[in-house]
PDB file of all heavy atoms in Angstrom:
ATOM      1  N   GLY A   1       0.777  -1.227   0.000  1.00  0.00           N
ATOM      2  CA  GLY A   1       0.000   0.000   0.000  1.00  0.00           C
ATOM      3  C   GLY A   1       0.812   1.283   0.000  1.00  0.00           C
ATOM      4  O   GLY A   1       0.254   2.376  -0.178  1.00  0.00           O
ATOM      5  N   GLU A   2       2.132   1.179   0.159  1.00  0.00           N
ATOM      6  CA  GLU A   2       2.979   2.368   0.163  1.00  0.00           C
ATOM      7  C   GLU A   2       3.506   2.619  -1.241  1.00  0.00           C
ATOM      8  O   GLU A   2       4.080   1.734  -1.864  1.00  0.00           O
ATOM      9  CB  GLU A   2       4.155   2.190   1.127  1.00  0.00           C
ATOM     10  CG  GLU A   2       4.996   3.446   1.265  1.00  0.00           C
ATOM     11  CD  GLU A   2       6.081   3.319   2.316  1.00  0.00           C
ATOM     12  OE1 GLU A   2       6.467   2.166   2.640  1.00  0.00           O
ATOM     13  OE2 GLU A   2       6.538   4.355   2.815  1.00  0.00           O
ATOM     14  N   GLU A   3       3.303   3.832  -1.732  1.00  0.00           N
ATOM     15  CA  GLU A   3       3.717   4.173  -3.089  1.00  0.00           C
ATOM     16  C   GLU A   3       5.207   4.495  -3.117  1.00  0.00           C
ATOM     17  O   GLU A   3       5.683   5.354  -2.377  1.00  0.00           O
ATOM     18  CB  GLU A   3       2.892   5.365  -3.582  1.00  0.00           C
ATOM     19  CG  GLU A   3       1.399   5.036  -3.670  1.00  0.00           C
ATOM     20  CD  GLU A   3       0.516   6.260  -3.794  1.00  0.00           C
ATOM     21  OE1 GLU A   3       1.036   7.405  -3.631  1.00  0.00           O
ATOM     22  OE2 GLU A   3      -0.690   6.103  -4.049  1.00  0.00           O
ATOM     23  N   ILE A   4       5.946   3.792  -3.986  1.00  0.00           N
ATOM     24  CA  ILE A   4       7.402   3.901  -4.022  1.00  0.00           C
ATOM     25  C   ILE A   4       7.862   4.795  -5.185  1.00  0.00           C
ATOM     26  O   ILE A   4       8.634   5.725  -4.998  1.00  0.00           O
ATOM     27  CB  ILE A   4       8.065   2.512  -4.141  1.00  0.00           C
ATOM     28  CG1 ILE A   4       7.489   1.556  -3.093  1.00  0.00           C
ATOM     29  CG2 ILE A   4       9.580   2.645  -4.013  1.00  0.00           C
ATOM     30  CD1 ILE A   4       7.696   1.993  -1.669  1.00  0.00           C
ATOM     31  N   TYR A   5       7.396   4.478  -6.391  1.00  0.00           N
ATOM     32  CA  TYR A   5       7.743   5.292  -7.562  1.00  0.00           C
ATOM     33  C   TYR A   5       6.720   5.037  -8.662  1.00  0.00           C
ATOM     34  O   TYR A   5       6.005   4.027  -8.659  1.00  0.00           O
ATOM     35  CB  TYR A   5       9.163   4.989  -8.073  1.00  0.00           C
ATOM     36  CG  TYR A   5       9.440   3.542  -8.389  1.00  0.00           C
ATOM     37  CD1 TYR A   5       9.005   2.943  -9.579  1.00  0.00           C
ATOM     38  CD2 TYR A   5      10.172   2.741  -7.512  1.00  0.00           C
ATOM     39  CE1 TYR A   5       9.270   1.615  -9.875  1.00  0.00           C
ATOM     40  CE2 TYR A   5      10.432   1.402  -7.788  1.00  0.00           C
ATOM     41  CZ  TYR A   5       9.986   0.848  -8.972  1.00  0.00           C
ATOM     42  OH  TYR A   5      10.237  -0.465  -9.262  1.00  0.00           O
ATOM     43  N   SER A   6       6.651   5.968  -9.591  1.00  0.00           N
ATOM     44  CA  SER A   6       5.913   5.720 -10.825  1.00  0.00           C
ATOM     45  C   SER A   6       6.941   5.490 -11.919  1.00  0.00           C
ATOM     46  O   SER A   6       8.055   6.027 -11.864  1.00  0.00           O
ATOM     47  CB  SER A   6       4.990   6.894 -11.178  1.00  0.00           C
ATOM     48  OG  SER A   6       5.718   8.096 -11.300  1.00  0.00           O
ATOM     49  N   VAL A   7       6.585   4.665 -12.910  1.00  0.00           N
ATOM     50  CA  VAL A   7       7.556   4.272 -13.934  1.00  0.00           C
ATOM     51  C   VAL A   7       6.881   4.236 -15.289  1.00  0.00           C
ATOM     52  O   VAL A   7       5.726   3.826 -15.417  1.00  0.00           O
ATOM     53  CB  VAL A   7       8.195   2.897 -13.577  1.00  0.00           C
ATOM     54  CG1 VAL A   7       7.142   1.838 -13.348  1.00  0.00           C
ATOM     55  CG2 VAL A   7       9.181   2.451 -14.647  1.00  0.00           C
ATOM     56  N   GLY A   8       7.600   4.695 -16.304  1.00  0.00           N
ATOM     57  CA  GLY A   8       7.119   4.653 -17.672  1.00  0.00           C
ATOM     58  C   GLY A   8       8.126   3.962 -18.574  1.00  0.00           C
ATOM     59  O   GLY A   8       9.341   4.049 -18.351  1.00  0.00           O
ATOM     60  N   LEU A   9       7.630   3.252 -19.577  1.00  0.00           N
ATOM     61  CA  LEU A   9       8.468   2.510 -20.524  1.00  0.00           C
ATOM     62  C   LEU A   9       8.340   3.122 -21.910  1.00  0.00           C
ATOM     63  O   LEU A   9       7.228   3.242 -22.441  1.00  0.00           O
ATOM     64  CB  LEU A   9       8.030   1.043 -20.561  1.00  0.00           C
ATOM     65  CG  LEU A   9       8.713   0.140 -21.602  1.00  0.00           C
ATOM     66  CD1 LEU A   9      10.203  -0.006 -21.294  1.00  0.00           C
ATOM     67  CD2 LEU A   9       8.037  -1.235 -21.638  1.00  0.00           C
ATOM     68  N   TYR A  10       9.478   3.499 -22.495  1.00  0.00           N
ATOM     69  CA  TYR A  10       9.517   4.067 -23.846  1.00  0.00           C
ATOM     70  C   TYR A  10      10.229   3.090 -24.777  1.00  0.00           C
ATOM     71  O   TYR A  10      11.325   2.613 -24.472  1.00  0.00           O
ATOM     72  CB  TYR A  10      10.255   5.404 -23.844  1.00  0.00           C
ATOM     73  CG  TYR A  10       9.510   6.509 -23.139  1.00  0.00           C
ATOM     74  CD1 TYR A  10       9.642   6.707 -21.770  1.00  0.00           C
ATOM     75  CD2 TYR A  10       8.675   7.378 -23.848  1.00  0.00           C
ATOM     76  CE1 TYR A  10       8.962   7.720 -21.112  1.00  0.00           C
ATOM     77  CE2 TYR A  10       7.992   8.400 -23.209  1.00  0.00           C
ATOM     78  CZ  TYR A  10       8.139   8.564 -21.845  1.00  0.00           C
ATOM     79  OH  TYR A  10       7.457   9.574 -21.199  1.00  0.00           O
ATOM     80  N   LEU A  11       9.593   2.829 -25.922  1.00  0.00           N
ATOM     81  CA  LEU A  11      10.114   1.873 -26.902  1.00  0.00           C
ATOM     82  C   LEU A  11      10.062   2.475 -28.304  1.00  0.00           C
ATOM     83  O   LEU A  11       9.363   3.471 -28.532  1.00  0.00           O
ATOM     84  CB  LEU A  11       9.273   0.597 -26.874  1.00  0.00           C
ATOM     85  CG  LEU A  11       9.234  -0.202 -25.569  1.00  0.00           C
ATOM     86  CD1 LEU A  11       8.204  -1.318 -25.669  1.00  0.00           C
ATOM     87  CD2 LEU A  11      10.611  -0.756 -25.227  1.00  0.00           C
ATOM     88  N   PRO A  12      10.762   1.855 -29.271  1.00  0.00           N
ATOM     89  CA  PRO A  12      10.691   2.339 -30.657  1.00  0.00           C
ATOM     90  C   PRO A  12       9.286   2.261 -31.246  1.00  0.00           C
ATOM     91  O   PRO A  12       8.911   3.054 -32.102  1.00  0.00           O
ATOM     92  CB  PRO A  12      11.659   1.417 -31.410  1.00  0.00           C
ATOM     93  CG  PRO A  12      12.617   0.943 -30.370  1.00  0.00           C
ATOM     94  CD  PRO A  12      11.802   0.819 -29.122  1.00  0.00           C
ATOM     95  N   LYS A  13       8.487   1.280 -30.803  1.00  0.00           N
ATOM     96  CA  LYS A  13       7.089   1.179 -31.222  1.00  0.00           C
ATOM     97  C   LYS A  13       6.333   0.455 -30.116  1.00  0.00           C
ATOM     98  O   LYS A  13       6.921  -0.256 -29.307  1.00  0.00           O
ATOM     99  CB  LYS A  13       6.943   0.446 -32.555  1.00  0.00           C
ATOM    100  CG  LYS A  13       7.431  -0.980 -32.552  1.00  0.00           C
ATOM    101  CD  LYS A  13       7.345  -1.626 -33.934  1.00  0.00           C
ATOM    102  CE  LYS A  13       5.933  -1.736 -34.420  1.00  0.00           C
ATOM    103  NZ  LYS A  13       5.829  -2.504 -35.696  1.00  0.00           N
ATOM    104  N   LYS A  14       5.019   0.617 -30.093  1.00  0.00           N
ATOM    105  CA  LYS A  14       4.223   0.039 -29.029  1.00  0.00           C
ATOM    106  C   LYS A  14       4.085  -1.474 -29.184  1.00  0.00           C
ATOM    107  O   LYS A  14       4.022  -1.995 -30.289  1.00  0.00           O
ATOM    108  CB  LYS A  14       2.833   0.679 -28.992  1.00  0.00           C
ATOM    109  CG  LYS A  14       2.820   2.058 -28.368  1.00  0.00           C
ATOM    110  CD  LYS A  14       1.402   2.469 -28.029  1.00  0.00           C
ATOM    111  CE  LYS A  14       1.392   3.719 -27.175  1.00  0.00           C
ATOM    112  NZ  LYS A  14       0.039   3.988 -26.626  1.00  0.00           N
ATOM    113  N   THR A  15       4.003  -2.135 -28.043  1.00  0.00           N
ATOM    114  CA  THR A  15       3.773  -3.570 -28.031  1.00  0.00           C
ATOM    115  C   THR A  15       3.101  -3.961 -26.724  1.00  0.00           C
ATOM    116  O   THR A  15       3.244  -3.261 -25.708  1.00  0.00           O
ATOM    117  CB  THR A  15       5.088  -4.358 -28.194  1.00  0.00           C
ATOM    118  OG1 THR A  15       4.799  -5.764 -28.211  1.00  0.00           O
ATOM    119  CG2 THR A  15       6.056  -4.077 -27.055  1.00  0.00           C
ATOM    120  N   THR A  16       2.370  -5.065 -26.738  1.00  0.00           N
ATOM    121  CA  THR A  16       1.801  -5.627 -25.518  1.00  0.00           C
ATOM    122  C   THR A  16       2.573  -6.857 -25.060  1.00  0.00           C
ATOM    123  O   THR A  16       2.166  -7.522 -24.113  1.00  0.00           O
ATOM    124  CB  THR A  16       0.320  -6.022 -25.740  1.00  0.00           C
ATOM    125  OG1 THR A  16       0.242  -7.000 -26.784  1.00  0.00           O
ATOM    126  CG2 THR A  16      -0.514  -4.808 -26.123  1.00  0.00           C
ATOM    127  N   ARG A  17       3.705  -7.142 -25.711  1.00  0.00           N
ATOM    128  CA  ARG A  17       4.466  -8.359 -25.427  1.00  0.00           C
ATOM    129  C   ARG A  17       5.841  -8.016 -24.861  1.00  0.00           C
ATOM    130  O   ARG A  17       6.577  -7.201 -25.423  1.00  0.00           O
ATOM    131  CB  ARG A  17       4.643  -9.190 -26.687  1.00  0.00           C
ATOM    132  CG  ARG A  17       3.346  -9.749 -27.267  1.00  0.00           C
ATOM    133  CD  ARG A  17       3.637 -10.485 -28.568  1.00  0.00           C
ATOM    134  NE  ARG A  17       4.608 -11.560 -28.363  1.00  0.00           N
ATOM    135  CZ  ARG A  17       4.272 -12.835 -28.153  1.00  0.00           C
ATOM    136  NH1 ARG A  17       3.009 -13.189 -28.108  1.00  0.00           N
ATOM    137  NH2 ARG A  17       5.200 -13.755 -28.001  1.00  0.00           N
ATOM    138  N   ALA A  18       6.196  -8.682 -23.754  1.00  0.00           N
ATOM    139  CA  ALA A  18       7.493  -8.449 -23.134  1.00  0.00           C
ATOM    140  C   ALA A  18       8.636  -8.878 -24.041  1.00  0.00           C
ATOM    141  O   ALA A  18       9.660  -8.192 -24.134  1.00  0.00           O
ATOM    142  CB  ALA A  18       7.571  -9.188 -21.799  1.00  0.00           C
ATOM    143  N   ASP A  19       8.487 -10.027 -24.730  1.00  0.00           N
ATOM    144  CA  ASP A  19       9.571 -10.496 -25.592  1.00  0.00           C
ATOM    145  C   ASP A  19       9.797  -9.549 -26.760  1.00  0.00           C
ATOM    146  O   ASP A  19      10.939  -9.344 -27.200  1.00  0.00           O
ATOM    147  CB  ASP A  19       9.308 -11.924 -26.084  1.00  0.00           C
ATOM    148  CG  ASP A  19       7.959 -12.099 -26.758  1.00  0.00           C
ATOM    149  OD1 ASP A  19       7.144 -11.158 -26.760  1.00  0.00           O
ATOM    150  OD2 ASP A  19       7.701 -13.197 -27.295  1.00  0.00           O
ATOM    151  N   THR A  20       8.733  -8.929 -27.269  1.00  0.00           N
ATOM    152  CA  THR A  20       8.890  -7.949 -28.346  1.00  0.00           C
ATOM    153  C   THR A  20       9.578  -6.692 -27.832  1.00  0.00           C
ATOM    154  O   THR A  20      10.409  -6.100 -28.524  1.00  0.00           O
ATOM    155  CB  THR A  20       7.523  -7.584 -28.958  1.00  0.00           C
ATOM    156  OG1 THR A  20       6.902  -8.779 -29.428  1.00  0.00           O
ATOM    157  CG2 THR A  20       7.671  -6.609 -30.112  1.00  0.00           C
ATOM    158  N   ALA A  21       9.247  -6.279 -26.619  1.00  0.00           N
ATOM    159  CA  ALA A  21       9.906  -5.112 -26.018  1.00  0.00           C
ATOM    160  C   ALA A  21      11.414  -5.317 -25.954  1.00  0.00           C
ATOM    161  O   ALA A  21      12.192  -4.377 -26.144  1.00  0.00           O
ATOM    162  CB  ALA A  21       9.345  -4.854 -24.622  1.00  0.00           C
ATOM    163  N   LYS A  22      11.824  -6.551 -25.717  1.00  0.00           N
ATOM    164  CA  LYS A  22      13.251  -6.870 -25.683  1.00  0.00           C
ATOM    165  C   LYS A  22      13.853  -6.922 -27.083  1.00  0.00           C
ATOM    166  O   LYS A  22      14.981  -6.483 -27.308  1.00  0.00           O
ATOM    167  CB  LYS A  22      13.477  -8.208 -24.974  1.00  0.00           C
ATOM    168  CG  LYS A  22      14.937  -8.624 -24.889  1.00  0.00           C
ATOM    169  CD  LYS A  22      15.084 -10.070 -24.428  1.00  0.00           C
ATOM    170  CE  LYS A  22      14.710 -10.251 -22.986  1.00  0.00           C
ATOM    171  NZ  LYS A  22      15.075 -11.612 -22.484  1.00  0.00           N
ATOM    172  N   ALA A  23      13.095  -7.454 -28.053  1.00  0.00           N
ATOM    173  CA  ALA A  23      13.639  -7.737 -29.386  1.00  0.00           C
ATOM    174  C   ALA A  23      13.675  -6.522 -30.313  1.00  0.00           C
ATOM    175  O   ALA A  23      14.460  -6.504 -31.269  1.00  0.00           O
ATOM    176  CB  ALA A  23      12.826  -8.847 -30.045  1.00  0.00           C
ATOM    177  N   LEU A  24      12.848  -5.524 -30.077  1.00  0.00           N
ATOM    178  CA  LEU A  24      12.805  -4.366 -30.967  1.00  0.00           C
ATOM    179  C   LEU A  24      14.181  -3.731 -31.123  1.00  0.00           C
ATOM    180  O   LEU A  24      14.932  -3.606 -30.152  1.00  0.00           O
ATOM    181  CB  LEU A  24      11.830  -3.317 -30.422  1.00  0.00           C
ATOM    182  CG  LEU A  24      10.334  -3.632 -30.537  1.00  0.00           C
ATOM    183  CD1 LEU A  24       9.527  -2.610 -29.742  1.00  0.00           C
ATOM    184  CD2 LEU A  24       9.903  -3.616 -32.004  1.00  0.00           C
ATOM    185  N   LEU A  25      14.504  -3.330 -32.337  1.00  0.00           N
ATOM    186  CA  LEU A  25      15.765  -2.650 -32.587  1.00  0.00           C
ATOM    187  C   LEU A  25      15.663  -1.185 -32.165  1.00  0.00           C
ATOM    188  O   LEU A  25      14.604  -0.573 -32.286  1.00  0.00           O
ATOM    189  CB  LEU A  25      16.121  -2.736 -34.076  1.00  0.00           C
ATOM    190  CG  LEU A  25      16.348  -4.132 -34.648  1.00  0.00           C
ATOM    191  CD1 LEU A  25      16.625  -4.055 -36.154  1.00  0.00           C
ATOM    192  CD2 LEU A  25      17.495  -4.833 -33.937  1.00  0.00           C
ATOM    193  N   GLY A  26      16.769  -0.639 -31.669  1.00  0.00           N
ATOM    194  CA  GLY A  26      16.792   0.782 -31.349  1.00  0.00           C
ATOM    195  C   GLY A  26      16.921   1.051 -29.860  1.00  0.00           C
ATOM    196  O   GLY A  26      17.138   0.142 -29.046  1.00  0.00           O
ATOM    197  N   ALA A  27      16.792   2.315 -29.516  1.00  0.00           N
ATOM    198  CA  ALA A  27      16.976   2.773 -28.141  1.00  0.00           C
ATOM    199  C   ALA A  27      15.797   2.361 -27.262  1.00  0.00           C
ATOM    200  O   ALA A  27      14.752   1.907 -27.738  1.00  0.00           O
ATOM    201  CB  ALA A  27      17.158   4.285 -28.121  1.00  0.00           C
ATOM    202  N   ARG A  28      15.977   2.515 -25.951  1.00  0.00           N
ATOM    203  CA  ARG A  28      14.938   2.269 -24.945  1.00  0.00           C
ATOM    204  C   ARG A  28      15.073   3.347 -23.873  1.00  0.00           C
ATOM    205  O   ARG A  28      16.121   3.930 -23.688  1.00  0.00           O
ATOM    206  CB  ARG A  28      15.118   0.919 -24.241  1.00  0.00           C
ATOM    207  CG  ARG A  28      15.265  -0.285 -25.121  1.00  0.00           C
ATOM    208  CD  ARG A  28      13.920  -0.808 -25.596  1.00  0.00           C
ATOM    209  NE  ARG A  28      14.043  -2.111 -26.212  1.00  0.00           N
ATOM    210  CZ  ARG A  28      14.540  -2.333 -27.416  1.00  0.00           C
ATOM    211  NH1 ARG A  28      15.003  -1.334 -28.133  1.00  0.00           N
ATOM    212  NH2 ARG A  28      14.590  -3.553 -27.922  1.00  0.00           N
ATOM    213  N   ARG A  29      14.007   3.532 -23.126  1.00  0.00           N
ATOM    214  CA  ARG A  29      14.088   4.367 -21.920  1.00  0.00           C
ATOM    215  C   ARG A  29      13.107   3.855 -20.884  1.00  0.00           C
ATOM    216  O   ARG A  29      11.963   3.557 -21.191  1.00  0.00           O
ATOM    217  CB  ARG A  29      13.805   5.833 -22.224  1.00  0.00           C
ATOM    218  CG  ARG A  29      13.601   6.708 -20.958  1.00  0.00           C
ATOM    219  CD  ARG A  29      13.619   8.197 -21.246  1.00  0.00           C
ATOM    220  NE  ARG A  29      14.981   8.637 -21.530  1.00  0.00           N
ATOM    221  CZ  ARG A  29      15.308   9.882 -21.901  1.00  0.00           C
ATOM    222  NH1 ARG A  29      14.343  10.783 -22.076  1.00  0.00           N
ATOM    223  NH2 ARG A  29      16.565  10.193 -22.127  1.00  0.00           N
ATOM    224  N   VAL A  30      13.569   3.754 -19.654  1.00  0.00           N
ATOM    225  CA  VAL A  30      12.705   3.558 -18.502  1.00  0.00           C
ATOM    226  C   VAL A  30      12.844   4.808 -17.639  1.00  0.00           C
ATOM    227  O   VAL A  30      13.952   5.175 -17.245  1.00  0.00           O
ATOM    228  CB  VAL A  30      13.098   2.307 -17.687  1.00  0.00           C
ATOM    229  CG1 VAL A  30      12.280   2.227 -16.403  1.00  0.00           C
ATOM    230  CG2 VAL A  30      12.913   1.037 -18.511  1.00  0.00           C
ATOM    231  N   THR A  31      11.734   5.479 -17.385  1.00  0.00           N
ATOM    232  CA  THR A  31      11.729   6.692 -16.567  1.00  0.00           C
ATOM    233  C   THR A  31      11.027   6.412 -15.246  1.00  0.00           C
ATOM    234  O   THR A  31       9.917   5.869 -15.230  1.00  0.00           O
ATOM    235  CB  THR A  31      11.016   7.846 -17.287  1.00  0.00           C
ATOM    236  OG1 THR A  31      11.769   8.229 -18.443  1.00  0.00           O
ATOM    237  CG2 THR A  31      10.881   9.059 -16.379  1.00  0.00           C
ATOM    238  N   LEU A  32      11.689   6.780 -14.148  1.00  0.00           N
ATOM    239  CA  LEU A  32      11.101   6.630 -12.826  1.00  0.00           C
ATOM    240  C   LEU A  32      10.986   7.992 -12.153  1.00  0.00           C
ATOM    241  O   LEU A  32      11.924   8.799 -12.213  1.00  0.00           O
ATOM    242  CB  LEU A  32      11.948   5.711 -11.939  1.00  0.00           C
ATOM    243  CG  LEU A  32      12.158   4.271 -12.392  1.00  0.00           C
ATOM    244  CD1 LEU A  32      13.490   4.127 -13.106  1.00  0.00           C
ATOM    245  CD2 LEU A  32      12.100   3.322 -11.211  1.00  0.00           C
ATOM    246  N   TYR A  33       9.859   8.230 -11.516  1.00  0.00           N
ATOM    247  CA  TYR A  33       9.680   9.380 -10.637  1.00  0.00           C
ATOM    248  C   TYR A  33       9.575   8.833  -9.214  1.00  0.00           C
ATOM    249  O   TYR A  33       8.669   8.069  -8.896  1.00  0.00           O
ATOM    250  CB  TYR A  33       8.416  10.157 -10.993  1.00  0.00           C
ATOM    251  CG  TYR A  33       8.514  10.956 -12.271  1.00  0.00           C
ATOM    252  CD1 TYR A  33       7.989  10.461 -13.456  1.00  0.00           C
ATOM    253  CD2 TYR A  33       9.122  12.207 -12.292  1.00  0.00           C
ATOM    254  CE1 TYR A  33       8.064  11.189 -14.637  1.00  0.00           C
ATOM    255  CE2 TYR A  33       9.209  12.955 -13.463  1.00  0.00           C
ATOM    256  CZ  TYR A  33       8.668  12.429 -14.634  1.00  0.00           C
ATOM    257  OH  TYR A  33       8.748  13.160 -15.793  1.00  0.00           O
ATOM    258  N   ILE A  34      10.513   9.246  -8.375  1.00  0.00           N
ATOM    259  CA  ILE A  34      10.576   8.743  -7.004  1.00  0.00           C
ATOM    260  C   ILE A  34       9.493   9.424  -6.163  1.00  0.00           C
ATOM    261  O   ILE A  34       9.361  10.648  -6.183  1.00  0.00           O
ATOM    262  CB  ILE A  34      11.962   8.993  -6.407  1.00  0.00           C
ATOM    263  CG1 ILE A  34      13.076   8.454  -7.340  1.00  0.00           C
ATOM    264  CG2 ILE A  34      12.070   8.360  -5.018  1.00  0.00           C
ATOM    265  CD1 ILE A  34      12.977   6.986  -7.641  1.00  0.00           C
ATOM    266  N   LEU A  35       8.737   8.618  -5.420  1.00  0.00           N
ATOM    267  CA  LEU A  35       7.621   9.147  -4.633  1.00  0.00           C
ATOM    268  C   LEU A  35       7.886   9.162  -3.135  1.00  0.00           C
ATOM    269  O   LEU A  35       7.109   9.739  -2.369  1.00  0.00           O
ATOM    270  CB  LEU A  35       6.357   8.327  -4.919  1.00  0.00           C
ATOM    271  CG  LEU A  35       5.881   8.327  -6.380  1.00  0.00           C
ATOM    272  CD1 LEU A  35       4.659   7.426  -6.530  1.00  0.00           C
ATOM    273  CD2 LEU A  35       5.565   9.740  -6.856  1.00  0.00           C
ATOM    274  N   LYS A  36       8.980   8.525  -2.698  1.00  0.00           N
ATOM    275  CA  LYS A  36       9.368   8.565  -1.284  1.00  0.00           C
ATOM    276  C   LYS A  36      10.884   8.508  -1.200  1.00  0.00           C
ATOM    277  O   LYS A  36      11.551   8.028  -2.117  1.00  0.00           O
ATOM    278  CB  LYS A  36       8.751   7.410  -0.502  1.00  0.00           C
ATOM    279  CG  LYS A  36       9.179   6.034  -0.957  1.00  0.00           C
ATOM    280  CD  LYS A  36       8.890   4.956   0.099  1.00  0.00           C
ATOM    281  CE  LYS A  36       9.835   5.099   1.276  1.00  0.00           C
ATOM    282  NZ  LYS A  36       9.658   4.036   2.285  1.00  0.00           N
ATOM    283  N   ASP A  37      11.443   9.033  -0.127  1.00  0.00           N
ATOM    284  CA  ASP A  37      12.890   9.018   0.036  1.00  0.00           C
ATOM    285  C   ASP A  37      13.376   7.572   0.105  1.00  0.00           C
ATOM    286  O   ASP A  37      12.785   6.732   0.791  1.00  0.00           O
ATOM    287  CB  ASP A  37      13.292   9.761   1.310  1.00  0.00           C
ATOM    288  CG  ASP A  37      12.983  11.249   1.246  1.00  0.00           C
ATOM    289  OD1 ASP A  37      12.619  11.734   0.157  1.00  0.00           O
ATOM    290  OD2 ASP A  37      13.090  11.927   2.287  1.00  0.00           O
ATOM    291  N   LEU A  38      14.493   7.310  -0.625  1.00  0.00           N
ATOM    292  CA  LEU A  38      15.042   5.960  -0.700  1.00  0.00           C
ATOM    293  C   LEU A  38      16.545   5.995  -0.486  1.00  0.00           C
ATOM    294  O   LEU A  38      17.223   6.948  -0.871  1.00  0.00           O
ATOM    295  CB  LEU A  38      14.751   5.341  -2.075  1.00  0.00           C
ATOM    296  CG  LEU A  38      13.286   5.124  -2.471  1.00  0.00           C
ATOM    297  CD1 LEU A  38      13.204   4.715  -3.932  1.00  0.00           C
ATOM    298  CD2 LEU A  38      12.630   4.090  -1.586  1.00  0.00           C
ATOM    299  N   VAL A  39      17.062   4.918   0.103  1.00  0.00           N
ATOM    300  CA  VAL A  39      18.504   4.725   0.253  1.00  0.00           C
ATOM    301  C   VAL A  39      18.865   3.415  -0.439  1.00  0.00           C
ATOM    302  O   VAL A  39      17.988   2.612  -0.775  1.00  0.00           O
ATOM    303  CB  VAL A  39      18.914   4.690   1.743  1.00  0.00           C
ATOM    304  CG1 VAL A  39      18.611   6.033   2.416  1.00  0.00           C
ATOM    305  CG2 VAL A  39      18.206   3.557   2.479  1.00  0.00           C
ATOM    306  N   PRO A  40      20.173   3.168  -0.690  1.00  0.00           N
ATOM    307  CA  PRO A  40      20.567   1.941  -1.411  1.00  0.00           C
ATOM    308  C   PRO A  40      19.988   0.656  -0.834  1.00  0.00           C
ATOM    309  O   PRO A  40      19.653  -0.271  -1.577  1.00  0.00           O
ATOM    310  CB  PRO A  40      22.092   1.964  -1.321  1.00  0.00           C
ATOM    311  CG  PRO A  40      22.432   3.423  -1.274  1.00  0.00           C
ATOM    312  CD  PRO A  40      21.341   4.054  -0.456  1.00  0.00           C
ATOM    313  N   ALA A  41      19.854   0.588   0.487  1.00  0.00           N
ATOM    314  CA  ALA A  41      19.308  -0.622   1.111  1.00  0.00           C
ATOM    315  C   ALA A  41      17.865  -0.868   0.709  1.00  0.00           C
ATOM    316  O   ALA A  41      17.362  -1.994   0.816  1.00  0.00           O
ATOM    317  CB  ALA A  41      19.408  -0.507   2.636  1.00  0.00           C
ATOM    318  N   ASP A  42      17.190   0.157   0.194  1.00  0.00           N
ATOM    319  CA  ASP A  42      15.809   0.001  -0.250  1.00  0.00           C
ATOM    320  C   ASP A  42      15.724  -0.625  -1.633  1.00  0.00           C
ATOM    321  O   ASP A  42      14.802  -1.395  -1.915  1.00  0.00           O
ATOM    322  CB  ASP A  42      15.093   1.365  -0.291  1.00  0.00           C
ATOM    323  CG  ASP A  42      14.908   1.970   1.086  1.00  0.00           C
ATOM    324  OD1 ASP A  42      14.588   1.224   2.027  1.00  0.00           O
ATOM    325  OD2 ASP A  42      15.083   3.201   1.223  1.00  0.00           O
ATOM    326  N   PHE A  43      16.663  -0.251  -2.522  1.00  0.00           N
ATOM    327  CA  PHE A  43      16.481  -0.677  -3.914  1.00  0.00           C
ATOM    328  C   PHE A  43      17.500  -1.675  -4.445  1.00  0.00           C
ATOM    329  O   PHE A  43      17.223  -2.361  -5.426  1.00  0.00           O
ATOM    330  CB  PHE A  43      16.398   0.533  -4.866  1.00  0.00           C
ATOM    331  CG  PHE A  43      17.402   1.623  -4.635  1.00  0.00           C
ATOM    332  CD1 PHE A  43      18.689   1.508  -5.091  1.00  0.00           C
ATOM    333  CD2 PHE A  43      17.022   2.782  -3.981  1.00  0.00           C
ATOM    334  CE1 PHE A  43      19.605   2.519  -4.898  1.00  0.00           C
ATOM    335  CE2 PHE A  43      17.948   3.809  -3.787  1.00  0.00           C
ATOM    336  CZ  PHE A  43      19.244   3.682  -4.241  1.00  0.00           C
ATOM    337  N   ILE A  44      18.674  -1.810  -3.834  1.00  0.00           N
ATOM    338  CA  ILE A  44      19.641  -2.798  -4.317  1.00  0.00           C
ATOM    339  C   ILE A  44      19.107  -4.231  -4.139  1.00  0.00           C
ATOM    340  O   ILE A  44      19.187  -5.040  -5.073  1.00  0.00           O
ATOM    341  CB  ILE A  44      21.022  -2.620  -3.657  1.00  0.00           C
ATOM    342  CG1 ILE A  44      21.693  -1.351  -4.212  1.00  0.00           C
ATOM    343  CG2 ILE A  44      21.913  -3.835  -3.921  1.00  0.00           C
ATOM    344  CD1 ILE A  44      23.062  -1.057  -3.646  1.00  0.00           C
TER     345      ILE A  44
END
């Protein structure tokens, strides 16, 4: 119930399949907005 971060996935083209997200040629981006203070012990 505690909100940690919001995350967005950017790909060369849209897909509903995880394997396609991996296989697509080109760049990728994962963007996270942190919603609570975090230290390495939280996310490593």
